[in-house]
Amino acid sequence: MKSKPSVSAVQLRRILETSLYADDLDQAETFYRSALGLNLFAKEAGRHLFFKFDDQMLLIFDPARTSEESEVAPHGTRGPGHVAFAVPISEMDGWEKRLKGIKVEIEKDVRWPNGGRSLYFRDPAGNCLELASPLVWGMEEGGSSLRTP
């Protein structure tokens, strides 16, 4: 008989999914597919969009629908959310050019003292999106889950 792991033995290893919220999912789908090049994994009209890259998920929900659900724990938020996508510093100029080329306003371009860089911009729902070098957090860059097409 296996014994249960002690509380001190359990440990979180990574974030599996993160969620943002948008009232207009069609507009969100167009933005995330065309501006960021994400591939749609699953969709339920009027409820959600799920984007998958590598072993992580970005979930975009319509909060009017998901804050009242009974099938899954109700969840939603008011006001803009934030998510940062890991992008190697070597690809940052390409992303800046791509975003400006499709008329996405870059709100801020931060060059951090540790050598990292962040580009901040908004999706159509007003969520704050960031393309950030993992150097921002003192992490190795490795590859990027987001690729400029």
Protein backbone atom coordinates (compact mmCIF):
# COMPACT_ATOMS: atom_id res chain seq x y z
CA MET A 1 0.00 0.00 0.00
CA LYS A 2 1.42 3.36 -1.06
CA SER A 3 1.56 6.06 1.53
CA LYS A 4 0.30 9.56 0.75
CA PRO A 5 2.99 12.17 0.15
CA SER A 6 3.52 14.51 3.05
CA VAL A 7 2.35 18.08 2.69
CA SER A 8 5.98 19.20 2.56
CA ALA A 9 6.64 16.81 -0.37
CA VAL A 10 4.06 18.31 -2.73
CA GLN A 11 5.19 21.16 -4.93
CA LEU A 12 3.80 23.25 -7.77
CA ARG A 13 5.87 22.87 -10.93
CA ARG A 14 4.44 25.24 -13.55
CA ILE A 15 1.35 27.10 -14.64
CA LEU A 16 -0.76 24.87 -16.86
CA GLU A 17 -3.26 27.44 -17.99
CA THR A 18 -4.02 31.09 -17.58
CA SER A 19 -7.25 32.89 -18.38
CA LEU A 20 -8.23 36.22 -19.81
CA TYR A 21 -11.74 37.51 -20.36
CA ALA A 22 -13.34 39.19 -23.39
CA ASP A 23 -16.92 40.21 -24.13
CA ASP A 24 -16.42 39.76 -27.90
CA LEU A 25 -14.89 36.34 -28.54
CA ASP A 26 -14.96 36.69 -32.33
CA GLN A 27 -12.85 39.84 -32.08
CA ALA A 28 -10.54 38.13 -29.57
CA GLU A 29 -10.12 35.11 -31.83
CA THR A 30 -9.18 37.28 -34.80
CA PHE A 31 -6.64 39.22 -32.72
CA TYR A 32 -4.93 36.26 -31.07
CA ARG A 33 -4.75 34.31 -34.33
CA SER A 34 -3.64 37.15 -36.62
CA ALA A 35 -1.62 39.42 -34.33
CA LEU A 36 0.07 36.75 -32.21
CA GLY A 37 -0.14 33.74 -34.53
CA LEU A 38 -1.70 31.47 -31.91
CA ASN A 39 -3.42 28.27 -33.00
CA LEU A 40 -6.97 27.69 -31.79
CA PHE A 41 -7.26 24.43 -29.85
CA ALA A 42 -10.96 24.53 -28.93
CA LYS A 43 -13.89 26.91 -29.19
CA GLU A 44 -17.44 27.11 -27.89
CA ALA A 45 -19.33 30.02 -29.42
CA GLY A 46 -20.31 32.60 -26.82
CA ARG A 47 -18.33 30.84 -24.07
CA HIS A 48 -14.62 30.33 -24.72
CA LEU A 49 -11.55 30.16 -26.91
CA PHE A 50 -8.67 27.84 -25.96
CA PHE A 51 -5.22 28.33 -27.46
CA LYS A 52 -2.49 25.72 -26.94
CA PHE A 53 1.23 26.10 -27.36
CA ASP A 54 3.75 23.56 -26.18
CA ASP A 55 2.40 22.27 -22.85
CA GLN A 56 0.52 25.40 -21.84
CA MET A 57 -2.96 26.80 -22.45
CA LEU A 58 -4.31 30.31 -22.83
CA LEU A 59 -8.04 30.34 -22.11
CA ILE A 60 -10.21 33.28 -23.11
CA PHE A 61 -13.70 33.28 -21.64
CA ASP A 62 -16.76 35.46 -21.99
CA PRO A 63 -17.28 36.40 -18.31
CA ALA A 64 -21.02 36.92 -18.81
CA ARG A 65 -21.28 33.19 -19.44
CA THR A 66 -18.64 31.69 -17.18
CA SER A 67 -19.37 33.73 -14.05
CA GLU A 68 -22.82 32.11 -13.86
CA GLU A 69 -21.93 28.49 -14.71
CA SER A 70 -22.89 25.48 -12.69
CA GLU A 71 -21.02 22.77 -14.67
CA VAL A 72 -17.59 24.13 -13.77
CA ALA A 73 -16.70 26.35 -10.84
CA PRO A 74 -17.93 29.84 -11.79
CA HIS A 75 -15.12 32.20 -12.69
CA GLY A 76 -14.69 35.58 -14.29
CA THR A 77 -13.31 38.98 -13.61
CA ARG A 78 -14.04 42.62 -14.17
CA GLY A 79 -11.53 44.96 -15.71
CA PRO A 80 -8.46 44.13 -17.75
CA GLY A 81 -6.23 41.16 -16.99
CA HIS A 82 -2.56 40.62 -17.77
CA VAL A 83 -0.46 37.85 -19.26
CA ALA A 84 3.18 37.85 -20.34
CA PHE A 85 4.43 35.60 -23.14
CA ALA A 86 8.06 34.46 -23.08
CA VAL A 87 10.02 35.74 -26.06
CA PRO A 88 13.81 35.52 -26.40
CA ILE A 89 15.50 38.91 -26.46
CA SER A 90 16.81 38.09 -29.95
CA GLU A 91 13.21 37.99 -31.30
CA MET A 92 11.97 41.15 -29.59
CA ASP A 93 12.74 43.53 -32.49
CA GLY A 94 10.88 41.21 -34.87
CA TRP A 95 7.84 41.26 -32.62
CA GLU A 96 7.98 45.03 -32.29
CA LYS A 97 8.06 45.36 -36.08
CA ARG A 98 5.21 42.85 -36.51
CA LEU A 99 2.94 44.59 -33.98
CA LYS A 100 3.59 48.06 -35.38
CA GLY A 101 3.04 46.70 -38.91
CA ILE A 102 -0.49 45.58 -38.03
CA LYS A 103 -1.22 48.83 -36.15
CA VAL A 104 -1.07 47.38 -32.62
CA GLU A 105 0.00 50.23 -30.35
CA ILE A 106 2.92 49.40 -28.09
CA GLU A 107 2.16 51.19 -24.82
CA LYS A 108 5.58 50.72 -23.33
CA ASP A 109 8.94 49.26 -24.32
CA VAL A 110 10.91 48.57 -21.14
CA ARG A 111 14.57 47.64 -21.13
CA TRP A 112 15.24 46.20 -17.70
CA PRO A 113 18.57 46.67 -15.85
CA ASN A 114 19.19 42.90 -15.90
CA GLY A 115 19.23 42.77 -19.72
CA GLY A 116 15.58 41.76 -20.17
CA ARG A 117 13.06 43.60 -22.28
CA SER A 118 9.26 43.85 -22.25
CA LEU A 119 6.79 45.12 -24.83
CA TYR A 120 3.36 46.03 -23.45
CA PHE A 121 0.21 46.34 -25.59
CA ARG A 122 -3.55 45.67 -25.38
CA ASP A 123 -5.87 43.14 -26.93
CA PRO A 124 -9.28 44.35 -28.22
CA ALA A 125 -10.87 43.61 -24.81
CA GLY A 126 -8.36 45.89 -23.05
CA ASN A 127 -6.27 43.11 -21.48
CA CYS A 128 -2.63 44.07 -20.94
CA LEU A 129 -0.39 41.75 -22.94
CA GLU A 130 3.36 41.59 -22.53
CA LEU A 131 6.07 40.02 -24.60
CA ALA A 132 8.91 39.54 -22.13
CA SER A 133 12.33 38.04 -22.23
CA PRO A 134 12.66 35.47 -19.42
CA LEU A 135 15.78 37.46 -18.47
CA VAL A 136 13.32 39.86 -16.81
CA TRP A 137 12.99 37.26 -14.04
CA GLY A 138 16.57 36.00 -14.16
CA MET A 139 15.53 32.89 -16.11
CA GLU A 140 17.23 31.25 -19.08
CA GLU A 141 15.62 32.11 -22.37
CA GLY A 142 15.70 28.79 -24.18
CA GLY A 143 13.21 28.63 -27.04
CA SER A 144 10.06 30.63 -27.49
CA SER A 145 6.53 29.28 -27.49
CA LEU A 146 5.42 32.27 -29.53
CA ARG A 147 6.98 32.35 -32.96
CA THR A 148 6.71 35.14 -35.44
CA PRO A 149 5.18 33.60 -38.58
